């Protein structure tokens, strides 16, 4: 059995509002609770992934998906602990529903290449983080099989900006031409087309 065939990816789905797509609720959950989830459980996982789901007609409604890739020996305990945490959020009305968690293989979740996604994730944005260092490693739009860079239209969605700020990761700065917030990984401003200098992550973090 190869590494990507091991059933070592634990998935949780929480519904925030079944009635309609509420981006403000997703923003609040991501900025407030995802860093807390990383603090509580991130060190027990090899990798942590989360996704906000905005697909039209999604049966889960306004939801956030959380995934942990971890040692199979600790998955049961990790599942119990994360589930207890999410149910506590439900009891305090921060989430509307907590769905039954799933344990799957990396290939079942992401397809043949880690980080690339199945059709179910089309139109959804994943943030991939290392559970130990808690630094953002990549930002992927799944459902577009050849796309590894952040599409420019995504950059206008400032919830990403708020999330990065919450983790203390300076991945955005203002465009010098029009002052709109820009991801430092794209070569030109999404708003005005200004050519940006794109320094490496290592250079920006002094590593």
N, C-alpha and C. Protein backbone atom coordinates (compact mmCIF):
# COMPACT_ATOMS: atom_id res chain seq x y z
N UNK A 1 0.85 -1.20 0.00
CA UNK A 1 0.00 0.00 0.00
C UNK A 1 0.89 1.25 0.00
N UNK A 2 0.63 2.17 -0.92
CA UNK A 2 1.41 3.40 -0.98
C UNK A 2 0.90 4.39 0.06
N UNK A 3 1.69 5.44 0.30
CA UNK A 3 1.32 6.43 1.31
C UNK A 3 -0.03 7.08 1.00
N UNK A 4 -0.28 7.37 -0.30
CA UNK A 4 -1.52 8.07 -0.62
C UNK A 4 -2.74 7.14 -0.60
N UNK A 5 -2.51 5.82 -0.40
CA UNK A 5 -3.62 4.87 -0.30
C UNK A 5 -3.98 4.58 1.15
N UNK A 6 -3.15 5.00 2.09
CA UNK A 6 -3.45 4.77 3.50
C UNK A 6 -4.65 5.61 3.92
N UNK A 7 -5.54 5.02 4.70
CA UNK A 7 -6.71 5.77 5.18
C UNK A 7 -6.29 6.57 6.42
N UNK A 8 -5.66 7.70 6.16
CA UNK A 8 -5.11 8.50 7.25
C UNK A 8 -5.51 9.97 7.15
N UNK A 9 -6.58 10.26 6.39
CA UNK A 9 -7.09 11.62 6.27
C UNK A 9 -8.47 11.68 6.92
N UNK A 10 -8.57 12.51 7.94
CA UNK A 10 -9.80 12.64 8.73
C UNK A 10 -10.53 13.92 8.31
N UNK A 11 -11.79 13.79 7.91
CA UNK A 11 -12.55 14.92 7.38
C UNK A 11 -13.74 15.26 8.28
N UNK A 12 -13.88 16.54 8.60
CA UNK A 12 -15.03 17.05 9.34
C UNK A 12 -15.72 18.11 8.49
N UNK A 13 -17.05 18.13 8.54
CA UNK A 13 -17.82 19.18 7.87
C UNK A 13 -18.72 19.83 8.91
N UNK A 14 -18.68 21.16 8.99
CA UNK A 14 -19.59 21.87 9.88
C UNK A 14 -20.44 22.82 9.04
N UNK A 15 -21.75 22.78 9.27
CA UNK A 15 -22.67 23.69 8.60
C UNK A 15 -22.88 24.92 9.47
N UNK A 16 -22.74 26.08 8.85
CA UNK A 16 -22.90 27.34 9.58
C UNK A 16 -24.29 27.91 9.39
N UNK A 17 -24.89 27.71 8.23
CA UNK A 17 -26.22 28.25 7.94
C UNK A 17 -26.79 27.49 6.74
N UNK A 18 -27.86 26.72 6.94
CA UNK A 18 -28.42 25.91 5.86
C UNK A 18 -29.27 26.74 4.90
N UNK A 19 -29.69 27.91 5.32
CA UNK A 19 -30.68 28.66 4.55
C UNK A 19 -30.10 29.31 3.31
N UNK A 20 -28.87 29.79 3.39
CA UNK A 20 -28.28 30.50 2.25
C UNK A 20 -26.77 30.57 2.43
N UNK A 21 -26.07 30.98 1.39
CA UNK A 21 -24.62 31.12 1.48
C UNK A 21 -24.29 32.41 2.23
N UNK A 22 -23.74 32.28 3.43
CA UNK A 22 -23.43 33.43 4.26
C UNK A 22 -21.92 33.58 4.39
N UNK A 23 -21.34 34.38 3.51
CA UNK A 23 -19.89 34.52 3.51
C UNK A 23 -19.39 35.17 4.78
N UNK A 24 -20.21 36.02 5.39
CA UNK A 24 -19.76 36.66 6.62
C UNK A 24 -19.58 35.63 7.74
N UNK A 25 -20.47 34.61 7.77
CA UNK A 25 -20.33 33.55 8.77
C UNK A 25 -19.07 32.74 8.53
N UNK A 26 -18.79 32.45 7.25
CA UNK A 26 -17.58 31.72 6.93
C UNK A 26 -16.34 32.52 7.34
N UNK A 27 -16.36 33.81 7.05
CA UNK A 27 -15.24 34.67 7.44
C UNK A 27 -15.00 34.60 8.94
N UNK A 28 -16.08 34.73 9.72
CA UNK A 28 -15.97 34.73 11.18
C UNK A 28 -15.41 33.41 11.68
N UNK A 29 -15.91 32.30 11.12
CA UNK A 29 -15.46 30.98 11.57
C UNK A 29 -13.99 30.79 11.25
N UNK A 30 -13.59 31.17 10.04
CA UNK A 30 -12.21 30.95 9.60
C UNK A 30 -11.24 31.79 10.42
N UNK A 31 -11.57 33.05 10.63
CA UNK A 31 -10.65 33.93 11.37
C UNK A 31 -10.63 33.59 12.85
N UNK A 32 -11.78 33.21 13.42
CA UNK A 32 -11.85 32.99 14.86
C UNK A 32 -11.46 31.57 15.28
N UNK A 33 -11.97 30.56 14.54
CA UNK A 33 -11.84 29.19 15.03
C UNK A 33 -10.77 28.36 14.35
N UNK A 34 -10.45 28.64 13.08
CA UNK A 34 -9.41 27.83 12.43
C UNK A 34 -8.05 27.99 13.13
N UNK A 35 -7.61 29.21 13.48
CA UNK A 35 -6.37 29.31 14.26
C UNK A 35 -6.44 28.57 15.59
N UNK A 36 -7.61 28.58 16.24
CA UNK A 36 -7.76 27.86 17.51
C UNK A 36 -7.66 26.35 17.28
N UNK A 37 -8.27 25.87 16.20
CA UNK A 37 -8.19 24.44 15.87
C UNK A 37 -6.74 24.04 15.61
N UNK A 38 -6.01 24.91 14.90
CA UNK A 38 -4.59 24.64 14.65
C UNK A 38 -3.80 24.58 15.96
N UNK A 39 -4.10 25.50 16.87
CA UNK A 39 -3.39 25.54 18.15
C UNK A 39 -3.66 24.28 18.97
N UNK A 40 -4.93 23.83 18.97
CA UNK A 40 -5.31 22.68 19.78
C UNK A 40 -4.84 21.35 19.19
N UNK A 41 -4.99 21.20 17.87
CA UNK A 41 -4.82 19.88 17.27
C UNK A 41 -3.73 19.80 16.19
N UNK A 42 -3.21 20.95 15.76
CA UNK A 42 -2.29 20.95 14.63
C UNK A 42 -1.03 20.15 14.84
N UNK A 43 -0.50 20.14 16.07
CA UNK A 43 0.76 19.45 16.32
C UNK A 43 0.61 17.94 16.24
N UNK A 44 -0.64 17.43 16.26
CA UNK A 44 -0.87 15.99 16.19
C UNK A 44 -1.08 15.50 14.76
N UNK A 45 -1.07 16.43 13.81
CA UNK A 45 -1.31 16.07 12.41
C UNK A 45 -0.07 16.37 11.57
N UNK A 46 0.14 15.55 10.53
CA UNK A 46 1.21 15.84 9.57
C UNK A 46 0.83 17.08 8.76
N UNK A 47 -0.42 17.13 8.34
CA UNK A 47 -0.90 18.26 7.55
C UNK A 47 -2.33 18.58 7.97
N UNK A 48 -2.70 19.82 7.81
CA UNK A 48 -4.06 20.27 8.08
C UNK A 48 -4.56 21.03 6.86
N UNK A 49 -5.81 20.77 6.47
CA UNK A 49 -6.41 21.44 5.33
C UNK A 49 -7.75 22.01 5.77
N UNK A 50 -8.12 23.16 5.25
CA UNK A 50 -9.51 23.57 5.44
C UNK A 50 -10.04 24.15 4.14
N UNK A 51 -11.36 24.15 4.03
CA UNK A 51 -12.00 24.67 2.83
C UNK A 51 -13.29 25.37 3.23
N UNK A 52 -13.53 26.50 2.62
CA UNK A 52 -14.87 27.11 2.71
C UNK A 52 -15.61 26.68 1.46
N UNK A 53 -16.86 26.32 1.60
CA UNK A 53 -17.62 25.75 0.48
C UNK A 53 -18.66 26.76 0.03
N UNK A 54 -18.59 27.16 -1.23
CA UNK A 54 -19.58 28.12 -1.71
C UNK A 54 -20.29 27.64 -2.97
N UNK A 55 -20.25 26.33 -3.24
CA UNK A 55 -20.88 25.80 -4.44
C UNK A 55 -22.39 26.00 -4.37
N UNK A 56 -22.97 26.53 -5.42
CA UNK A 56 -24.42 26.75 -5.47
C UNK A 56 -25.15 25.42 -5.37
N UNK A 57 -26.16 25.37 -4.51
CA UNK A 57 -26.94 24.15 -4.35
C UNK A 57 -26.28 23.11 -3.46
N UNK A 58 -25.21 23.46 -2.79
CA UNK A 58 -24.51 22.53 -1.91
C UNK A 58 -25.46 22.06 -0.81
N UNK A 59 -25.66 20.73 -0.65
CA UNK A 59 -26.58 20.25 0.38
C UNK A 59 -26.13 20.57 1.80
N UNK A 60 -24.83 20.87 1.96
CA UNK A 60 -24.34 21.22 3.29
C UNK A 60 -24.61 22.68 3.63
N UNK A 61 -25.14 23.44 2.68
CA UNK A 61 -25.39 24.85 2.94
C UNK A 61 -24.09 25.63 3.07
N UNK A 62 -24.09 26.64 3.92
CA UNK A 62 -22.89 27.43 4.18
C UNK A 62 -22.01 26.62 5.12
N UNK A 63 -20.91 26.08 4.62
CA UNK A 63 -20.14 25.14 5.41
C UNK A 63 -18.65 25.38 5.32
N UNK A 64 -17.94 24.81 6.29
CA UNK A 64 -16.48 24.79 6.29
C UNK A 64 -16.06 23.34 6.48
N UNK A 65 -15.08 22.90 5.67
CA UNK A 65 -14.56 21.54 5.74
C UNK A 65 -13.17 21.58 6.36
N UNK A 66 -12.90 20.65 7.28
CA UNK A 66 -11.61 20.57 7.96
C UNK A 66 -11.05 19.17 7.74
N UNK A 67 -9.77 19.10 7.37
CA UNK A 67 -9.15 17.78 7.15
C UNK A 67 -7.80 17.71 7.86
N UNK A 68 -7.56 16.55 8.49
CA UNK A 68 -6.30 16.28 9.16
C UNK A 68 -5.68 15.03 8.56
N UNK A 69 -4.45 15.12 8.11
CA UNK A 69 -3.68 13.94 7.71
C UNK A 69 -2.77 13.60 8.88
N UNK A 70 -2.96 12.41 9.47
CA UNK A 70 -2.24 12.10 10.70
C UNK A 70 -1.88 10.62 10.73
N UNK A 71 -1.02 10.25 11.68
CA UNK A 71 -0.65 8.86 11.89
C UNK A 71 -1.90 8.05 12.18
N UNK A 72 -2.04 6.90 11.50
CA UNK A 72 -3.25 6.09 11.65
C UNK A 72 -3.47 5.62 13.08
N UNK A 73 -2.39 5.50 13.84
CA UNK A 73 -2.50 5.01 15.21
C UNK A 73 -3.20 6.01 16.13
N UNK A 74 -3.18 7.29 15.78
CA UNK A 74 -3.80 8.29 16.65
C UNK A 74 -5.10 8.84 16.08
N UNK A 75 -5.54 8.33 14.92
CA UNK A 75 -6.72 8.91 14.27
C UNK A 75 -7.97 8.81 15.13
N UNK A 76 -8.18 7.66 15.80
CA UNK A 76 -9.40 7.50 16.59
C UNK A 76 -9.48 8.54 17.71
N UNK A 77 -8.36 8.75 18.42
CA UNK A 77 -8.36 9.72 19.50
C UNK A 77 -8.48 11.13 18.97
N UNK A 78 -7.78 11.41 17.85
CA UNK A 78 -7.89 12.74 17.24
C UNK A 78 -9.32 13.01 16.80
N UNK A 79 -9.97 12.01 16.20
CA UNK A 79 -11.36 12.16 15.78
C UNK A 79 -12.25 12.47 16.97
N UNK A 80 -12.08 11.75 18.06
CA UNK A 80 -12.92 11.97 19.26
C UNK A 80 -12.70 13.36 19.83
N UNK A 81 -11.46 13.82 19.86
CA UNK A 81 -11.16 15.12 20.46
C UNK A 81 -11.68 16.27 19.59
N UNK A 82 -11.46 16.18 18.27
CA UNK A 82 -11.93 17.25 17.38
C UNK A 82 -13.46 17.27 17.35
N UNK A 83 -14.08 16.09 17.34
CA UNK A 83 -15.54 16.02 17.33
C UNK A 83 -16.13 16.65 18.59
N UNK A 84 -15.50 16.39 19.73
CA UNK A 84 -15.97 17.00 20.99
C UNK A 84 -15.86 18.52 20.92
N UNK A 85 -14.77 19.01 20.36
CA UNK A 85 -14.58 20.45 20.21
C UNK A 85 -15.65 21.06 19.31
N UNK A 86 -15.92 20.42 18.18
CA UNK A 86 -16.90 20.95 17.24
C UNK A 86 -18.32 20.89 17.82
N UNK A 87 -18.62 19.82 18.57
CA UNK A 87 -19.94 19.73 19.20
C UNK A 87 -20.11 20.80 20.28
N UNK A 88 -19.01 21.17 20.93
CA UNK A 88 -19.07 22.27 21.88
C UNK A 88 -19.38 23.58 21.16
N UNK A 89 -18.78 23.78 19.98
CA UNK A 89 -19.11 24.97 19.18
C UNK A 89 -20.59 24.97 18.81
N UNK A 90 -21.13 23.79 18.51
CA UNK A 90 -22.56 23.68 18.17
C UNK A 90 -23.42 24.03 19.37
N UNK A 91 -23.03 23.56 20.54
CA UNK A 91 -23.81 23.85 21.75
C UNK A 91 -23.81 25.34 22.07
N UNK A 92 -22.76 26.05 21.63
CA UNK A 92 -22.67 27.50 21.84
C UNK A 92 -23.16 28.28 20.62
N UNK A 93 -23.78 27.56 19.67
CA UNK A 93 -24.42 28.15 18.49
C UNK A 93 -23.44 28.84 17.54
N UNK A 94 -22.19 28.42 17.56
CA UNK A 94 -21.24 28.93 16.58
C UNK A 94 -21.34 28.17 15.26
N UNK A 95 -21.86 26.95 15.32
CA UNK A 95 -22.14 26.17 14.11
C UNK A 95 -23.54 25.60 14.24
N UNK A 96 -24.17 25.34 13.09
CA UNK A 96 -25.53 24.82 13.10
C UNK A 96 -25.58 23.30 13.18
N UNK A 97 -24.64 22.65 12.50
CA UNK A 97 -24.64 21.18 12.48
C UNK A 97 -23.22 20.66 12.30
N UNK A 98 -22.92 19.55 12.97
CA UNK A 98 -21.64 18.86 12.80
C UNK A 98 -21.94 17.52 12.14
N UNK A 99 -21.39 17.28 10.95
CA UNK A 99 -21.65 16.06 10.22
C UNK A 99 -20.74 14.94 10.69
N UNK A 100 -21.16 13.69 10.45
CA UNK A 100 -20.38 12.53 10.84
C UNK A 100 -19.02 12.56 10.13
N UNK A 101 -17.92 12.48 10.89
CA UNK A 101 -16.59 12.54 10.25
C UNK A 101 -16.31 11.31 9.40
N UNK A 102 -15.41 11.49 8.44
CA UNK A 102 -15.00 10.41 7.54
C UNK A 102 -13.50 10.19 7.66
N UNK A 103 -13.07 8.94 7.49
CA UNK A 103 -11.66 8.62 7.37
C UNK A 103 -11.44 8.06 5.97
N UNK A 104 -10.57 8.72 5.20
CA UNK A 104 -10.35 8.34 3.81
C UNK A 104 -8.86 8.34 3.51
N UNK A 105 -8.51 7.86 2.34
CA UNK A 105 -7.12 7.92 1.90
C UNK A 105 -6.88 9.23 1.17
N UNK A 106 -5.62 9.60 1.05
CA UNK A 106 -5.27 10.83 0.36
C UNK A 106 -5.70 10.78 -1.11
N UNK A 107 -5.59 9.61 -1.72
CA UNK A 107 -5.97 9.49 -3.13
C UNK A 107 -7.49 9.61 -3.29
N UNK A 108 -8.26 9.13 -2.30
CA UNK A 108 -9.72 9.28 -2.35
C UNK A 108 -10.12 10.74 -2.21
N UNK A 109 -9.40 11.47 -1.38
CA UNK A 109 -9.75 12.85 -1.10
C UNK A 109 -9.30 13.80 -2.20
N UNK A 110 -8.05 13.65 -2.63
CA UNK A 110 -7.45 14.64 -3.51
C UNK A 110 -7.20 14.16 -4.93
N UNK A 111 -7.46 12.91 -5.23
CA UNK A 111 -7.11 12.40 -6.55
C UNK A 111 -5.71 11.83 -6.53
N UNK A 112 -5.14 11.59 -7.68
CA UNK A 112 -3.87 10.89 -7.76
C UNK A 112 -2.69 11.72 -7.29
N UNK A 113 -2.82 13.04 -7.32
CA UNK A 113 -1.72 13.91 -6.88
C UNK A 113 -2.14 14.65 -5.62
N UNK A 114 -1.36 14.57 -4.53
CA UNK A 114 -1.71 15.31 -3.31
C UNK A 114 -1.91 16.79 -3.61
N UNK A 115 -2.99 17.35 -3.09
CA UNK A 115 -3.25 18.76 -3.30
C UNK A 115 -4.13 19.05 -4.49
N UNK A 116 -4.37 18.07 -5.34
CA UNK A 116 -5.27 18.27 -6.47
C UNK A 116 -6.60 17.64 -6.10
N UNK A 117 -7.68 18.17 -6.64
CA UNK A 117 -8.96 17.84 -6.04
C UNK A 117 -9.98 17.13 -6.90
N UNK A 118 -10.93 16.49 -6.26
CA UNK A 118 -12.02 15.82 -6.96
C UNK A 118 -13.09 16.81 -7.39
N UNK A 119 -14.02 16.32 -8.18
CA UNK A 119 -15.07 17.19 -8.71
C UNK A 119 -15.91 17.80 -7.60
N UNK A 120 -16.03 17.11 -6.45
CA UNK A 120 -16.87 17.62 -5.36
C UNK A 120 -16.38 18.97 -4.84
N UNK A 121 -15.10 19.25 -5.05
CA UNK A 121 -14.52 20.48 -4.51
C UNK A 121 -14.51 21.61 -5.53
N UNK A 122 -15.15 21.40 -6.65
CA UNK A 122 -15.13 22.43 -7.71
C UNK A 122 -15.67 23.76 -7.18
N UNK A 123 -14.96 24.82 -7.46
CA UNK A 123 -15.40 26.14 -7.03
C UNK A 123 -15.11 26.44 -5.58
N UNK A 124 -14.33 25.60 -4.92
CA UNK A 124 -14.06 25.78 -3.51
C UNK A 124 -12.58 26.04 -3.28
N UNK A 125 -12.28 26.76 -2.25
CA UNK A 125 -10.90 27.18 -2.00
C UNK A 125 -10.35 26.44 -0.78
N UNK A 126 -9.19 25.77 -0.97
CA UNK A 126 -8.52 25.09 0.13
C UNK A 126 -7.31 25.89 0.57
N UNK A 127 -7.05 25.90 1.82
CA UNK A 127 -5.78 26.40 2.31
C UNK A 127 -5.06 25.21 2.95
N UNK A 128 -3.82 24.97 2.54
CA UNK A 128 -3.05 23.83 2.98
C UNK A 128 -1.99 24.33 3.95
N UNK A 129 -1.98 23.79 5.16
CA UNK A 129 -1.03 24.27 6.15
C UNK A 129 -0.28 23.11 6.78
N UNK A 130 0.96 23.34 7.12
CA UNK A 130 1.75 22.36 7.83
C UNK A 130 1.34 22.41 9.30
N UNK A 131 0.95 21.26 9.87
CA UNK A 131 0.41 21.23 11.22
C UNK A 131 1.42 21.55 12.30
N UNK A 132 2.71 21.41 12.01
CA UNK A 132 3.73 21.66 13.02
C UNK A 132 4.16 23.11 13.03
N UNK A 133 4.52 23.64 11.86
CA UNK A 133 5.01 25.01 11.80
C UNK A 133 3.89 26.03 11.72
N UNK A 134 2.69 25.58 11.35
CA UNK A 134 1.52 26.45 11.22
C UNK A 134 1.78 27.60 10.25
N UNK A 135 2.49 27.34 9.19
CA UNK A 135 2.68 28.36 8.16
C UNK A 135 1.96 27.94 6.90
N UNK A 136 1.42 28.91 6.20
CA UNK A 136 0.70 28.59 4.98
C UNK A 136 1.69 28.17 3.90
N UNK A 137 1.48 27.01 3.32
CA UNK A 137 2.40 26.50 2.32
C UNK A 137 1.88 26.72 0.90
N UNK A 138 0.58 26.61 0.74
CA UNK A 138 0.05 26.74 -0.61
C UNK A 138 -1.43 27.07 -0.54
N UNK A 139 -1.92 27.61 -1.61
CA UNK A 139 -3.33 27.96 -1.71
C UNK A 139 -3.79 27.45 -3.06
N UNK A 140 -4.77 26.56 -3.06
CA UNK A 140 -5.13 25.88 -4.30
C UNK A 140 -6.60 26.07 -4.62
N UNK A 141 -6.91 26.20 -5.88
CA UNK A 141 -8.29 26.12 -6.33
C UNK A 141 -8.47 24.74 -6.91
N UNK A 142 -9.28 23.91 -6.22
CA UNK A 142 -9.46 22.54 -6.67
C UNK A 142 -10.56 22.47 -7.73
N UNK A 143 -10.53 21.40 -8.50
CA UNK A 143 -11.47 21.25 -9.60
C UNK A 143 -10.88 21.73 -10.90
N UNK A 144 -9.72 22.38 -10.84
CA UNK A 144 -9.00 22.82 -12.03
C UNK A 144 -7.69 22.05 -12.00
N UNK A 145 -7.65 20.92 -12.68
CA UNK A 145 -6.62 19.91 -12.45
C UNK A 145 -5.21 20.39 -12.74
N UNK A 146 -5.01 21.36 -13.62
CA UNK A 146 -3.66 21.78 -13.93
C UNK A 146 -3.23 23.04 -13.20
N UNK A 147 -4.07 23.58 -12.32
CA UNK A 147 -3.82 24.90 -11.75
C UNK A 147 -3.18 24.78 -10.37
N UNK A 148 -1.94 25.23 -10.23
CA UNK A 148 -1.27 25.18 -8.94
C UNK A 148 -1.08 26.56 -8.32
N UNK A 149 -1.17 27.60 -9.11
CA UNK A 149 -1.07 28.95 -8.56
C UNK A 149 -2.45 29.50 -8.24
N UNK A 150 -2.48 30.52 -7.42
CA UNK A 150 -3.76 31.11 -7.05
C UNK A 150 -4.31 31.92 -8.22
N UNK A 151 -5.50 31.59 -8.73
CA UNK A 151 -6.07 32.41 -9.81
C UNK A 151 -6.25 33.84 -9.34
N UNK A 152 -6.04 34.79 -10.23
CA UNK A 152 -6.04 36.19 -9.81
C UNK A 152 -7.39 36.64 -9.26
N UNK A 153 -8.50 36.06 -9.79
CA UNK A 153 -9.80 36.52 -9.30
C UNK A 153 -10.03 36.14 -7.85
N UNK A 154 -9.34 35.11 -7.38
CA UNK A 154 -9.49 34.71 -5.98
C UNK A 154 -8.92 35.76 -5.04
N UNK A 155 -7.91 36.50 -5.52
CA UNK A 155 -7.19 37.41 -4.65
C UNK A 155 -8.10 38.54 -4.16
N UNK A 156 -9.15 38.84 -4.91
CA UNK A 156 -10.06 39.88 -4.49
C UNK A 156 -10.87 39.47 -3.27
N UNK A 157 -10.87 38.18 -2.95
CA UNK A 157 -11.66 37.67 -1.83
C UNK A 157 -10.87 37.88 -0.54
N UNK A 158 -11.16 38.94 0.18
CA UNK A 158 -10.27 39.36 1.25
C UNK A 158 -10.35 38.53 2.51
N UNK A 159 -11.24 37.50 2.53
CA UNK A 159 -11.22 36.63 3.71
C UNK A 159 -9.85 35.97 3.84
N UNK A 160 -9.20 35.69 2.69
CA UNK A 160 -7.86 35.09 2.71
C UNK A 160 -6.90 36.04 3.43
N UNK A 161 -7.01 37.32 3.11
CA UNK A 161 -6.19 38.35 3.74
C UNK A 161 -6.37 38.31 5.25
N UNK A 162 -7.63 38.29 5.70
CA UNK A 162 -7.91 38.30 7.13
C UNK A 162 -7.35 37.05 7.80
N UNK A 163 -7.48 35.89 7.12
CA UNK A 163 -6.98 34.65 7.72
C UNK A 163 -5.46 34.69 7.86
N UNK A 164 -4.78 35.12 6.82
CA UNK A 164 -3.33 35.20 6.89
C UNK A 164 -2.90 36.16 7.99
N UNK A 165 -3.60 37.27 8.11
CA UNK A 165 -3.27 38.23 9.17
C UNK A 165 -3.46 37.60 10.54
N UNK A 166 -4.53 36.81 10.69
CA UNK A 166 -4.81 36.17 11.98
C UNK A 166 -3.68 35.23 12.39
N UNK A 167 -3.01 34.63 11.40
CA UNK A 167 -1.89 33.74 11.70
C UNK A 167 -0.55 34.48 11.71
N UNK A 168 -0.58 35.79 11.44
CA UNK A 168 0.65 36.57 11.42
C UNK A 168 1.53 36.31 10.22
N UNK A 169 0.91 35.93 9.10
CA UNK A 169 1.67 35.61 7.88
C UNK A 169 1.47 36.73 6.87
N UNK A 170 2.49 37.52 6.59
CA UNK A 170 2.33 38.67 5.69
C UNK A 170 2.38 38.25 4.22
N UNK A 171 1.29 37.68 3.73
CA UNK A 171 1.27 37.24 2.34
C UNK A 171 0.58 38.24 1.42
N UNK A 172 0.15 39.37 1.96
CA UNK A 172 -0.52 40.38 1.16
C UNK A 172 0.13 41.74 1.38
N UNK A 173 0.10 42.56 0.35
CA UNK A 173 0.48 43.96 0.50
C UNK A 173 -0.33 44.77 -0.51
N UNK A 174 -0.37 46.08 -0.33
CA UNK A 174 -1.15 46.92 -1.24
C UNK A 174 -0.42 47.12 -2.57
N UNK A 175 -1.20 47.14 -3.65
CA UNK A 175 -0.64 47.45 -4.96
C UNK A 175 -0.14 48.89 -4.94
N UNK A 176 1.09 49.16 -5.39
CA UNK A 176 1.61 50.53 -5.36
C UNK A 176 0.87 51.46 -6.32
N UNK A 177 0.15 50.90 -7.29
CA UNK A 177 -0.55 51.74 -8.27
C UNK A 177 -1.97 52.09 -7.83
N UNK A 178 -2.71 51.09 -7.31
CA UNK A 178 -4.12 51.37 -6.99
C UNK A 178 -4.49 51.06 -5.54
N UNK A 179 -3.53 50.57 -4.75
CA UNK A 179 -3.69 50.31 -3.31
C UNK A 179 -4.66 49.17 -2.97
N UNK A 180 -5.08 48.35 -3.93
CA UNK A 180 -5.90 47.18 -3.58
C UNK A 180 -4.99 46.08 -3.03
N UNK A 181 -5.54 45.25 -2.13
CA UNK A 181 -4.74 44.20 -1.50
C UNK A 181 -4.35 43.14 -2.52
N UNK A 182 -3.07 42.76 -2.50
CA UNK A 182 -2.54 41.80 -3.47
C UNK A 182 -1.84 40.64 -2.77
N UNK A 183 -2.06 39.43 -3.31
CA UNK A 183 -1.28 38.29 -2.85
C UNK A 183 0.13 38.44 -3.41
N UNK A 184 1.13 38.16 -2.59
CA UNK A 184 2.51 38.34 -3.02
C UNK A 184 2.98 37.24 -3.96
N UNK A 185 2.11 36.26 -4.26
CA UNK A 185 2.51 35.16 -5.12
C UNK A 185 2.09 35.36 -6.57
N UNK A 186 1.33 36.39 -6.89
CA UNK A 186 0.88 36.58 -8.27
C UNK A 186 1.67 37.73 -8.92
N UNK A 187 1.90 37.65 -10.23
CA UNK A 187 2.81 38.60 -10.88
C UNK A 187 2.22 39.97 -11.20
N UNK A 188 0.89 40.10 -11.19
CA UNK A 188 0.33 41.41 -11.53
C UNK A 188 -0.93 41.67 -10.71
N UNK A 189 -1.26 42.93 -10.53
CA UNK A 189 -2.43 43.33 -9.75
C UNK A 189 -3.70 42.85 -10.43
N UNK A 190 -4.60 42.22 -9.64
CA UNK A 190 -5.85 41.73 -10.22
C UNK A 190 -6.78 42.89 -10.56
N UNK A 191 -6.59 44.05 -9.92
CA UNK A 191 -7.51 45.17 -10.11
C UNK A 191 -7.11 46.07 -11.28
N UNK A 192 -5.81 46.39 -11.38
CA UNK A 192 -5.40 47.36 -12.40
C UNK A 192 -4.36 46.83 -13.38
N UNK A 193 -3.83 45.61 -13.12
CA UNK A 193 -2.88 45.02 -14.04
C UNK A 193 -1.43 45.43 -13.83
N UNK A 194 -1.17 46.21 -12.79
CA UNK A 194 0.19 46.66 -12.52
C UNK A 194 1.12 45.45 -12.31
N UNK A 195 2.31 45.48 -12.93
CA UNK A 195 3.27 44.39 -12.79
C UNK A 195 3.90 44.45 -11.40
N UNK A 196 3.77 43.37 -10.65
CA UNK A 196 4.26 43.32 -9.28
C UNK A 196 5.57 42.54 -9.20
N UNK A 197 6.40 42.90 -8.26
CA UNK A 197 7.56 42.06 -7.95
C UNK A 197 7.08 40.98 -7.00
N UNK A 198 7.44 39.74 -7.28
CA UNK A 198 6.97 38.62 -6.46
C UNK A 198 8.17 37.96 -5.79
N UNK A 199 8.53 38.42 -4.58
CA UNK A 199 9.66 37.81 -3.88
C UNK A 199 9.30 36.42 -3.39
N UNK A 200 10.29 35.59 -3.14
CA UNK A 200 10.04 34.24 -2.66
C UNK A 200 9.56 34.29 -1.22
N UNK A 201 8.87 33.21 -0.79
CA UNK A 201 8.42 33.12 0.60
C UNK A 201 9.63 33.15 1.54
N UNK A 202 10.70 32.47 1.16
CA UNK A 202 11.88 32.43 2.02
C UNK A 202 12.47 33.81 2.22
N UNK A 203 12.53 34.60 1.12
CA UNK A 203 13.10 35.95 1.22
C UNK A 203 12.24 36.84 2.10
N UNK A 204 10.90 36.70 1.95
CA UNK A 204 10.01 37.56 2.73
C UNK A 204 10.03 37.21 4.21
N UNK A 205 10.29 35.94 4.53
CA UNK A 205 10.26 35.52 5.93
C UNK A 205 11.65 35.50 6.54
N UNK A 206 12.66 35.88 5.75
CA UNK A 206 14.00 35.95 6.28
C UNK A 206 14.62 34.60 6.56
N UNK A 207 14.19 33.54 5.81
CA UNK A 207 14.73 32.20 6.05
C UNK A 207 15.59 31.77 4.89
